[in-house]
Amino acid sequence: MAARRPRAARRPLRVYVDTSVFGGVHDDEFREPSERFFTAVRAGVIVILVSEVLVVEISSAPAVVQATFEAHRAEMEILETTAEAAALAEAYLAARVVPPASRVDALHVALASIARADAVVSWNFKHLVQLRRIRGFHAVNVLRGYPLIEIRSPLEVIDVEEA
């Protein structure tokens, strides 16, 4: 009988999350997968990236969402908004990937792209987790020399074997 080879340790996924992920824990529809997502974060399977912009957004969110954010601060890497990120976000807007009112969503994707995140994770199916928009983000990234960026819901990044 052959000996079983130990599983190689996997590098944690580095995922940029938007405000909706923290709010998902408090939404009946998204609670269970959101809780599983944060279980994976606590287990070190996922490292979350956030931005200064998200920190500002969270400050005006309901208290329970702010508390969820604060509970995970130790597992976060906070990205600074740079001129490069602002320019990439403007390129998404100019290409009409998202409407002008979604400037912050464009900045989230730009920051994640520049940081070489494994994915953007969101429950925002209108402006982020939507095939037409994802293709638009990819097109702009390719034209500007950035890598393609995965944009997924928390449910899509949870490893069911580990959850």
N, C-alpha and C. Protein backbone atom coordinates (compact mmCIF):
# COMPACT_ATOMS: atom_id res chain seq x y z
N MET A 1 0.85 -1.18 0.00
CA MET A 1 0.00 0.00 0.00
C MET A 1 0.89 1.24 0.00
N ALA A 2 0.66 2.11 -0.91
CA ALA A 2 1.48 3.32 -1.05
C ALA A 2 1.14 4.31 0.06
N ALA A 3 2.17 4.98 0.54
CA ALA A 3 1.97 5.99 1.58
C ALA A 3 1.31 7.22 0.96
N ARG A 4 0.44 7.85 1.71
CA ARG A 4 -0.22 9.06 1.23
C ARG A 4 0.74 10.22 1.33
N ARG A 5 0.80 10.99 0.29
CA ARG A 5 1.65 12.18 0.30
C ARG A 5 0.91 13.29 1.03
N PRO A 6 1.62 14.02 1.87
CA PRO A 6 0.94 15.13 2.54
C PRO A 6 0.56 16.20 1.53
N ARG A 7 -0.56 16.87 1.80
CA ARG A 7 -1.00 17.96 0.93
C ARG A 7 -0.07 19.13 1.09
N ALA A 8 0.31 19.70 -0.01
CA ALA A 8 1.17 20.89 0.03
C ALA A 8 0.37 22.05 0.60
N ALA A 9 1.02 22.85 1.41
CA ALA A 9 0.35 24.03 1.96
C ALA A 9 0.04 24.99 0.82
N ARG A 10 -1.16 25.50 0.84
CA ARG A 10 -1.56 26.43 -0.20
C ARG A 10 -1.37 27.86 0.29
N ARG A 11 -0.99 28.70 -0.64
CA ARG A 11 -0.88 30.12 -0.34
C ARG A 11 -2.29 30.65 -0.11
N PRO A 12 -2.46 31.48 0.93
CA PRO A 12 -3.80 32.05 1.14
C PRO A 12 -4.22 32.90 -0.06
N LEU A 13 -5.50 32.90 -0.35
CA LEU A 13 -6.02 33.77 -1.39
C LEU A 13 -6.00 35.20 -0.86
N ARG A 14 -5.55 36.13 -1.67
CA ARG A 14 -5.59 37.56 -1.33
C ARG A 14 -6.75 38.14 -2.10
N VAL A 15 -7.83 38.48 -1.39
CA VAL A 15 -9.02 38.98 -2.06
C VAL A 15 -9.40 40.35 -1.55
N TYR A 16 -9.72 41.21 -2.48
CA TYR A 16 -10.21 42.55 -2.16
C TYR A 16 -11.70 42.43 -1.92
N VAL A 17 -12.18 42.92 -0.78
CA VAL A 17 -13.61 42.86 -0.49
C VAL A 17 -14.19 44.26 -0.46
N ASP A 18 -15.46 44.36 -0.85
CA ASP A 18 -16.15 45.64 -0.74
C ASP A 18 -17.08 45.60 0.46
N THR A 19 -17.76 46.69 0.70
CA THR A 19 -18.62 46.83 1.88
C THR A 19 -19.71 45.76 1.94
N SER A 20 -20.21 45.33 0.79
CA SER A 20 -21.31 44.37 0.77
C SER A 20 -20.95 43.05 1.45
N VAL A 21 -19.68 42.70 1.45
CA VAL A 21 -19.26 41.43 2.06
C VAL A 21 -19.44 41.50 3.58
N PHE A 22 -19.10 42.64 4.17
CA PHE A 22 -19.29 42.80 5.62
C PHE A 22 -20.78 42.87 5.96
N GLY A 23 -21.55 43.48 5.09
CA GLY A 23 -22.99 43.56 5.30
C GLY A 23 -23.70 42.23 5.07
N GLY A 24 -23.12 41.38 4.23
CA GLY A 24 -23.74 40.09 3.92
C GLY A 24 -23.99 39.22 5.13
N VAL A 25 -23.17 39.36 6.16
CA VAL A 25 -23.32 38.58 7.39
C VAL A 25 -24.67 38.90 8.05
N HIS A 26 -25.21 40.07 7.77
CA HIS A 26 -26.44 40.53 8.42
C HIS A 26 -27.65 40.51 7.49
N ASP A 27 -27.53 39.82 6.37
CA ASP A 27 -28.60 39.74 5.38
C ASP A 27 -29.06 38.29 5.29
N ASP A 28 -30.35 38.06 5.42
CA ASP A 28 -30.87 36.69 5.42
C ASP A 28 -30.42 35.88 4.21
N GLU A 29 -30.44 36.50 3.04
CA GLU A 29 -30.07 35.79 1.81
C GLU A 29 -28.60 35.41 1.75
N PHE A 30 -27.73 36.25 2.30
CA PHE A 30 -26.29 36.06 2.16
C PHE A 30 -25.58 35.63 3.45
N ARG A 31 -26.32 35.50 4.55
CA ARG A 31 -25.72 35.22 5.85
C ARG A 31 -24.82 33.98 5.86
N GLU A 32 -25.36 32.85 5.47
CA GLU A 32 -24.62 31.59 5.59
C GLU A 32 -23.32 31.60 4.77
N PRO A 33 -23.35 31.94 3.48
CA PRO A 33 -22.08 31.96 2.75
C PRO A 33 -21.14 33.05 3.25
N SER A 34 -21.68 34.16 3.73
CA SER A 34 -20.82 35.23 4.26
C SER A 34 -20.11 34.76 5.53
N GLU A 35 -20.83 34.06 6.39
CA GLU A 35 -20.21 33.52 7.60
C GLU A 35 -19.14 32.50 7.26
N ARG A 36 -19.40 31.65 6.25
CA ARG A 36 -18.39 30.68 5.82
C ARG A 36 -17.17 31.39 5.24
N PHE A 37 -17.39 32.48 4.52
CA PHE A 37 -16.29 33.26 3.98
C PHE A 37 -15.40 33.76 5.12
N PHE A 38 -16.01 34.36 6.14
CA PHE A 38 -15.23 34.89 7.25
C PHE A 38 -14.60 33.79 8.11
N THR A 39 -15.19 32.60 8.12
CA THR A 39 -14.54 31.46 8.78
C THR A 39 -13.25 31.13 8.06
N ALA A 40 -13.27 31.15 6.73
CA ALA A 40 -12.06 30.91 5.95
C ALA A 40 -11.02 32.00 6.19
N VAL A 41 -11.48 33.23 6.38
CA VAL A 41 -10.56 34.34 6.68
C VAL A 41 -9.88 34.07 8.02
N ARG A 42 -10.67 33.73 9.04
CA ARG A 42 -10.09 33.47 10.37
C ARG A 42 -9.14 32.28 10.35
N ALA A 43 -9.40 31.31 9.46
CA ALA A 43 -8.55 30.12 9.35
C ALA A 43 -7.27 30.40 8.56
N GLY A 44 -7.14 31.60 8.00
CA GLY A 44 -5.94 31.93 7.24
C GLY A 44 -5.95 31.46 5.81
N VAL A 45 -7.08 30.95 5.34
CA VAL A 45 -7.21 30.49 3.96
C VAL A 45 -7.35 31.69 3.02
N ILE A 46 -7.92 32.77 3.55
CA ILE A 46 -8.15 33.99 2.78
C ILE A 46 -7.60 35.17 3.56
N VAL A 47 -6.88 36.04 2.85
CA VAL A 47 -6.44 37.32 3.41
C VAL A 47 -7.28 38.38 2.70
N ILE A 48 -7.89 39.26 3.48
CA ILE A 48 -8.72 40.28 2.85
C ILE A 48 -7.97 41.59 2.69
N LEU A 49 -8.18 42.18 1.52
CA LEU A 49 -7.63 43.49 1.20
C LEU A 49 -8.80 44.47 1.20
N VAL A 50 -8.58 45.61 1.79
CA VAL A 50 -9.57 46.68 1.77
C VAL A 50 -8.83 47.97 1.43
N SER A 51 -9.60 49.01 1.19
CA SER A 51 -8.99 50.29 0.85
C SER A 51 -9.41 51.36 1.83
N GLU A 52 -8.71 52.47 1.75
CA GLU A 52 -9.09 53.64 2.55
C GLU A 52 -10.51 54.06 2.20
N VAL A 53 -10.89 53.91 0.94
CA VAL A 53 -12.24 54.26 0.47
C VAL A 53 -13.27 53.38 1.18
N LEU A 54 -12.98 52.11 1.31
CA LEU A 54 -13.90 51.20 1.99
C LEU A 54 -14.02 51.58 3.46
N VAL A 55 -12.93 51.96 4.09
CA VAL A 55 -12.97 52.38 5.50
C VAL A 55 -13.93 53.55 5.68
N VAL A 56 -13.90 54.49 4.73
CA VAL A 56 -14.83 55.63 4.77
C VAL A 56 -16.26 55.15 4.57
N GLU A 57 -16.48 54.26 3.60
CA GLU A 57 -17.82 53.72 3.36
C GLU A 57 -18.38 53.03 4.62
N ILE A 58 -17.54 52.23 5.25
CA ILE A 58 -17.95 51.49 6.45
C ILE A 58 -18.37 52.44 7.57
N SER A 59 -17.72 53.60 7.65
CA SER A 59 -18.02 54.54 8.74
C SER A 59 -19.46 55.05 8.69
N SER A 60 -20.11 54.96 7.52
CA SER A 60 -21.51 55.38 7.44
C SER A 60 -22.47 54.19 7.32
N ALA A 61 -21.94 52.98 7.49
CA ALA A 61 -22.78 51.78 7.44
C ALA A 61 -23.46 51.57 8.80
N PRO A 62 -24.47 50.71 8.84
CA PRO A 62 -25.10 50.40 10.13
C PRO A 62 -24.07 49.87 11.13
N ALA A 63 -24.35 50.06 12.40
CA ALA A 63 -23.42 49.68 13.48
C ALA A 63 -23.04 48.21 13.43
N VAL A 64 -23.97 47.32 13.06
CA VAL A 64 -23.64 45.90 13.01
C VAL A 64 -22.62 45.59 11.91
N VAL A 65 -22.70 46.31 10.79
CA VAL A 65 -21.73 46.14 9.70
C VAL A 65 -20.37 46.68 10.14
N GLN A 66 -20.38 47.82 10.80
CA GLN A 66 -19.12 48.38 11.33
C GLN A 66 -18.47 47.40 12.31
N ALA A 67 -19.28 46.76 13.15
CA ALA A 67 -18.75 45.80 14.13
C ALA A 67 -18.14 44.58 13.43
N THR A 68 -18.77 44.12 12.36
CA THR A 68 -18.22 43.00 11.60
C THR A 68 -16.88 43.39 10.98
N PHE A 69 -16.81 44.59 10.44
CA PHE A 69 -15.56 45.10 9.88
C PHE A 69 -14.48 45.13 10.96
N GLU A 70 -14.78 45.72 12.09
CA GLU A 70 -13.81 45.85 13.18
C GLU A 70 -13.35 44.49 13.69
N ALA A 71 -14.24 43.51 13.70
CA ALA A 71 -13.90 42.16 14.18
C ALA A 71 -12.86 41.48 13.30
N HIS A 72 -12.71 41.95 12.07
CA HIS A 72 -11.78 41.32 11.13
C HIS A 72 -10.59 42.21 10.78
N ARG A 73 -10.42 43.30 11.47
CA ARG A 73 -9.34 44.23 11.16
C ARG A 73 -7.96 43.57 11.19
N ALA A 74 -7.76 42.63 12.08
CA ALA A 74 -6.45 41.97 12.20
C ALA A 74 -6.10 41.15 10.96
N GLU A 75 -7.11 40.73 10.20
CA GLU A 75 -6.87 39.90 9.01
C GLU A 75 -6.83 40.73 7.72
N MET A 76 -6.75 42.05 7.85
CA MET A 76 -6.83 42.92 6.67
C MET A 76 -5.50 43.54 6.30
N GLU A 77 -5.38 43.75 5.01
CA GLU A 77 -4.31 44.58 4.47
C GLU A 77 -5.03 45.80 3.87
N ILE A 78 -4.66 47.00 4.32
CA ILE A 78 -5.33 48.21 3.82
C ILE A 78 -4.50 48.83 2.71
N LEU A 79 -5.13 49.02 1.55
CA LEU A 79 -4.46 49.58 0.38
C LEU A 79 -4.69 51.09 0.31
N GLU A 80 -3.66 51.80 -0.03
CA GLU A 80 -3.77 53.25 -0.21
C GLU A 80 -4.27 53.56 -1.61
N THR A 81 -5.06 54.60 -1.72
CA THR A 81 -5.50 55.06 -3.02
C THR A 81 -4.36 55.87 -3.63
N THR A 82 -3.90 55.44 -4.78
CA THR A 82 -2.79 56.10 -5.46
C THR A 82 -3.28 56.78 -6.73
N ALA A 83 -2.43 57.61 -7.30
CA ALA A 83 -2.76 58.26 -8.57
C ALA A 83 -2.95 57.19 -9.65
N GLU A 84 -2.16 56.13 -9.59
CA GLU A 84 -2.27 55.04 -10.57
C GLU A 84 -3.65 54.38 -10.47
N ALA A 85 -4.12 54.14 -9.24
CA ALA A 85 -5.44 53.52 -9.05
C ALA A 85 -6.55 54.46 -9.52
N ALA A 86 -6.42 55.73 -9.20
CA ALA A 86 -7.42 56.71 -9.62
C ALA A 86 -7.50 56.78 -11.15
N ALA A 87 -6.34 56.73 -11.81
CA ALA A 87 -6.31 56.78 -13.27
C ALA A 87 -6.96 55.53 -13.88
N LEU A 88 -6.69 54.38 -13.29
CA LEU A 88 -7.30 53.15 -13.80
C LEU A 88 -8.82 53.18 -13.59
N ALA A 89 -9.26 53.65 -12.45
CA ALA A 89 -10.71 53.77 -12.19
C ALA A 89 -11.35 54.72 -13.22
N GLU A 90 -10.67 55.83 -13.52
CA GLU A 90 -11.19 56.77 -14.52
C GLU A 90 -11.27 56.11 -15.90
N ALA A 91 -10.31 55.23 -16.20
CA ALA A 91 -10.35 54.51 -17.48
C ALA A 91 -11.57 53.59 -17.55
N TYR A 92 -11.91 52.94 -16.44
CA TYR A 92 -13.13 52.11 -16.42
C TYR A 92 -14.37 52.98 -16.68
N LEU A 93 -14.40 54.15 -16.06
CA LEU A 93 -15.54 55.05 -16.24
C LEU A 93 -15.60 55.56 -17.68
N ALA A 94 -14.46 55.93 -18.23
CA ALA A 94 -14.42 56.43 -19.61
C ALA A 94 -14.87 55.36 -20.60
N ALA A 95 -14.57 54.09 -20.29
CA ALA A 95 -14.97 52.99 -21.16
C ALA A 95 -16.41 52.54 -20.88
N ARG A 96 -17.06 53.22 -19.93
CA ARG A 96 -18.45 52.93 -19.55
C ARG A 96 -18.65 51.51 -19.03
N VAL A 97 -17.61 51.01 -18.35
CA VAL A 97 -17.73 49.69 -17.72
C VAL A 97 -18.78 49.78 -16.61
N VAL A 98 -18.73 50.86 -15.85
CA VAL A 98 -19.74 51.16 -14.83
C VAL A 98 -20.17 52.60 -15.02
N PRO A 99 -21.37 52.96 -14.56
CA PRO A 99 -21.83 54.35 -14.71
C PRO A 99 -21.07 55.29 -13.77
N PRO A 100 -21.10 56.58 -14.06
CA PRO A 100 -20.39 57.56 -13.22
C PRO A 100 -20.74 57.48 -11.74
N ALA A 101 -21.95 57.12 -11.43
CA ALA A 101 -22.37 57.01 -10.02
C ALA A 101 -21.66 55.86 -9.30
N SER A 102 -21.03 54.97 -10.06
CA SER A 102 -20.34 53.81 -9.48
C SER A 102 -18.83 54.01 -9.45
N ARG A 103 -18.40 55.26 -9.31
CA ARG A 103 -16.98 55.61 -9.27
C ARG A 103 -16.24 54.80 -8.19
N VAL A 104 -16.87 54.63 -7.03
CA VAL A 104 -16.23 53.89 -5.94
C VAL A 104 -16.03 52.42 -6.32
N ASP A 105 -17.02 51.83 -7.00
CA ASP A 105 -16.87 50.45 -7.46
C ASP A 105 -15.70 50.34 -8.44
N ALA A 106 -15.57 51.30 -9.33
CA ALA A 106 -14.44 51.31 -10.27
C ALA A 106 -13.12 51.40 -9.53
N LEU A 107 -13.09 52.21 -8.48
CA LEU A 107 -11.86 52.35 -7.69
C LEU A 107 -11.54 51.05 -6.95
N HIS A 108 -12.55 50.35 -6.45
CA HIS A 108 -12.31 49.06 -5.79
C HIS A 108 -11.60 48.11 -6.76
N VAL A 109 -12.11 48.01 -7.97
CA VAL A 109 -11.52 47.08 -8.95
C VAL A 109 -10.12 47.54 -9.34
N ALA A 110 -9.93 48.83 -9.50
CA ALA A 110 -8.61 49.36 -9.85
C ALA A 110 -7.59 49.04 -8.76
N LEU A 111 -7.94 49.27 -7.52
CA LEU A 111 -7.03 48.98 -6.41
C LEU A 111 -6.68 47.50 -6.36
N ALA A 112 -7.67 46.64 -6.54
CA ALA A 112 -7.43 45.20 -6.53
C ALA A 112 -6.55 44.79 -7.70
N SER A 113 -6.77 45.37 -8.87
CA SER A 113 -5.96 45.04 -10.05
C SER A 113 -4.51 45.42 -9.84
N ILE A 114 -4.29 46.61 -9.34
CA ILE A 114 -2.92 47.10 -9.12
C ILE A 114 -2.22 46.31 -8.03
N ALA A 115 -2.97 45.89 -7.01
CA ALA A 115 -2.39 45.10 -5.91
C ALA A 115 -2.19 43.64 -6.29
N ARG A 116 -2.59 43.27 -7.51
CA ARG A 116 -2.49 41.90 -7.98
C ARG A 116 -3.24 40.93 -7.06
N ALA A 117 -4.43 41.38 -6.62
CA ALA A 117 -5.29 40.53 -5.80
C ALA A 117 -5.72 39.32 -6.61
N ASP A 118 -6.01 38.23 -5.92
CA ASP A 118 -6.51 37.04 -6.61
C ASP A 118 -7.94 37.27 -7.11
N ALA A 119 -8.68 38.13 -6.43
CA ALA A 119 -10.06 38.39 -6.83
C ALA A 119 -10.60 39.62 -6.10
N VAL A 120 -11.66 40.18 -6.66
CA VAL A 120 -12.52 41.14 -5.97
C VAL A 120 -13.71 40.30 -5.53
N VAL A 121 -14.10 40.43 -4.27
CA VAL A 121 -15.23 39.66 -3.75
C VAL A 121 -16.32 40.63 -3.33
N SER A 122 -17.54 40.38 -3.82
CA SER A 122 -18.63 41.31 -3.59
C SER A 122 -19.97 40.60 -3.72
N TRP A 123 -20.98 41.15 -3.07
CA TRP A 123 -22.36 40.74 -3.28
C TRP A 123 -23.05 41.74 -4.22
N ASN A 124 -22.32 42.65 -4.83
CA ASN A 124 -22.89 43.67 -5.70
C ASN A 124 -23.04 43.10 -7.12
N PHE A 125 -24.21 42.52 -7.37
CA PHE A 125 -24.46 41.89 -8.67
C PHE A 125 -24.85 42.89 -9.76
N LYS A 126 -25.08 44.13 -9.38
CA LYS A 126 -25.45 45.13 -10.37
C LYS A 126 -24.22 45.76 -11.02
N HIS A 127 -23.21 46.09 -10.24
CA HIS A 127 -22.07 46.82 -10.78
C HIS A 127 -20.75 46.08 -10.76
N LEU A 128 -20.67 44.94 -10.09
CA LEU A 128 -19.39 44.24 -10.04
C LEU A 128 -19.49 42.79 -10.50
N VAL A 129 -20.24 41.97 -9.80
CA VAL A 129 -20.31 40.54 -10.11
C VAL A 129 -21.35 40.35 -11.22
N GLN A 130 -20.96 40.74 -12.41
CA GLN A 130 -21.87 40.72 -13.55
C GLN A 130 -21.01 40.55 -14.81
N LEU A 131 -21.29 39.55 -15.61
CA LEU A 131 -20.42 39.16 -16.72
C LEU A 131 -20.06 40.31 -17.65
N ARG A 132 -21.03 41.10 -18.06
CA ARG A 132 -20.73 42.21 -18.99
C ARG A 132 -19.74 43.18 -18.38
N ARG A 133 -19.92 43.48 -17.11
CA ARG A 133 -19.01 44.42 -16.44
C ARG A 133 -17.63 43.79 -16.25
N ILE A 134 -17.60 42.52 -15.88
CA ILE A 134 -16.31 41.84 -15.70
C ILE A 134 -15.52 41.88 -17.01
N ARG A 135 -16.19 41.61 -18.12
CA ARG A 135 -15.51 41.67 -19.43
C ARG A 135 -14.99 43.08 -19.71
N GLY A 136 -15.75 44.09 -19.31
CA GLY A 136 -15.31 45.47 -19.49
C GLY A 136 -14.07 45.78 -18.65
N PHE A 137 -14.07 45.36 -17.39
CA PHE A 137 -12.89 45.55 -16.54
C PHE A 137 -11.68 44.85 -17.16
N HIS A 138 -11.89 43.64 -17.66
CA HIS A 138 -10.79 42.89 -18.28
C HIS A 138 -10.24 43.63 -19.50
N ALA A 139 -11.13 44.13 -20.34
CA ALA A 139 -10.70 44.83 -21.56
C ALA A 139 -9.83 46.03 -21.21
N VAL A 140 -10.27 46.84 -20.26
CA VAL A 140 -9.48 48.01 -19.86
C VAL A 140 -8.15 47.57 -19.26
N ASN A 141 -8.18 46.55 -18.41
CA ASN A 141 -6.92 46.08 -17.81
C ASN A 141 -5.93 45.62 -18.87
N VAL A 142 -6.39 44.87 -19.83
CA VAL A 142 -5.50 44.38 -20.88
C VAL A 142 -4.91 45.55 -21.67
N LEU A 143 -5.76 46.50 -22.04
CA LEU A 143 -5.29 47.66 -22.80
C LEU A 143 -4.26 48.48 -22.03
N ARG A 144 -4.36 48.48 -20.71
CA ARG A 144 -3.46 49.29 -19.88
C ARG A 144 -2.33 48.48 -19.25
N GLY A 145 -2.22 47.20 -19.61
CA GLY A 145 -1.11 46.39 -19.12
C GLY A 145 -1.28 45.80 -17.73
N TYR A 146 -2.51 45.71 -17.26
CA TYR A 146 -2.77 45.10 -15.95
C TYR A 146 -3.32 43.69 -16.17
N PRO A 147 -3.19 42.83 -15.16
CA PRO A 147 -3.72 41.47 -15.32
C PRO A 147 -5.24 41.46 -15.26
N LEU A 148 -5.82 40.37 -15.76
CA LEU A 148 -7.26 40.17 -15.62
C LEU A 148 -7.54 40.02 -14.12
N ILE A 149 -8.72 40.44 -13.70
CA ILE A 149 -9.08 40.35 -12.29
C ILE A 149 -10.36 39.53 -12.16
N GLU A 150 -10.31 38.51 -11.32
CA GLU A 150 -11.51 37.72 -11.03
C GLU A 150 -12.44 38.58 -10.18
N ILE A 151 -13.72 38.57 -10.48
CA ILE A 151 -14.71 39.28 -9.68
C ILE A 151 -15.78 38.26 -9.35
N ARG A 152 -15.89 37.93 -8.07
CA ARG A 152 -16.73 36.81 -7.63
C ARG A 152 -17.53 37.16 -6.38
N SER A 153 -18.56 36.38 -6.14
CA SER A 153 -19.30 36.49 -4.88
C SER A 153 -18.53 35.69 -3.83
N PRO A 154 -18.78 35.97 -2.54
CA PRO A 154 -18.11 35.17 -1.50
C PRO A 154 -18.35 33.67 -1.67
N LEU A 155 -19.53 33.31 -2.11
CA LEU A 155 -19.86 31.90 -2.31
C LEU A 155 -18.90 31.22 -3.29
N GLU A 156 -18.41 31.97 -4.26
CA GLU A 156 -17.54 31.40 -5.30
C GLU A 156 -16.08 31.26 -4.86
N VAL A 157 -15.71 31.85 -3.74
CA VAL A 157 -14.31 31.72 -3.31
C VAL A 157 -14.15 30.84 -2.09
N ILE A 158 -15.27 30.35 -1.56
CA ILE A 158 -15.22 29.45 -0.41
C ILE A 158 -14.90 28.06 -0.92
N ASP A 159 -13.91 27.44 -0.31
CA ASP A 159 -13.58 26.05 -0.65
C ASP A 159 -14.51 25.17 0.17
N VAL A 160 -15.46 24.52 -0.49
CA VAL A 160 -16.46 23.76 0.23
C VAL A 160 -15.84 22.68 1.11
N GLU A 161 -14.71 22.14 0.74
CA GLU A 161 -14.06 21.12 1.55
C GLU A 161 -13.57 21.69 2.88
N GLU A 162 -13.25 22.98 2.90
CA GLU A 162 -12.71 23.58 4.11
C GLU A 162 -13.74 24.35 4.90
N ALA A 163 -14.89 24.62 4.32
CA ALA A 163 -15.89 25.44 5.02
C ALA A 163 -16.67 24.64 6.04
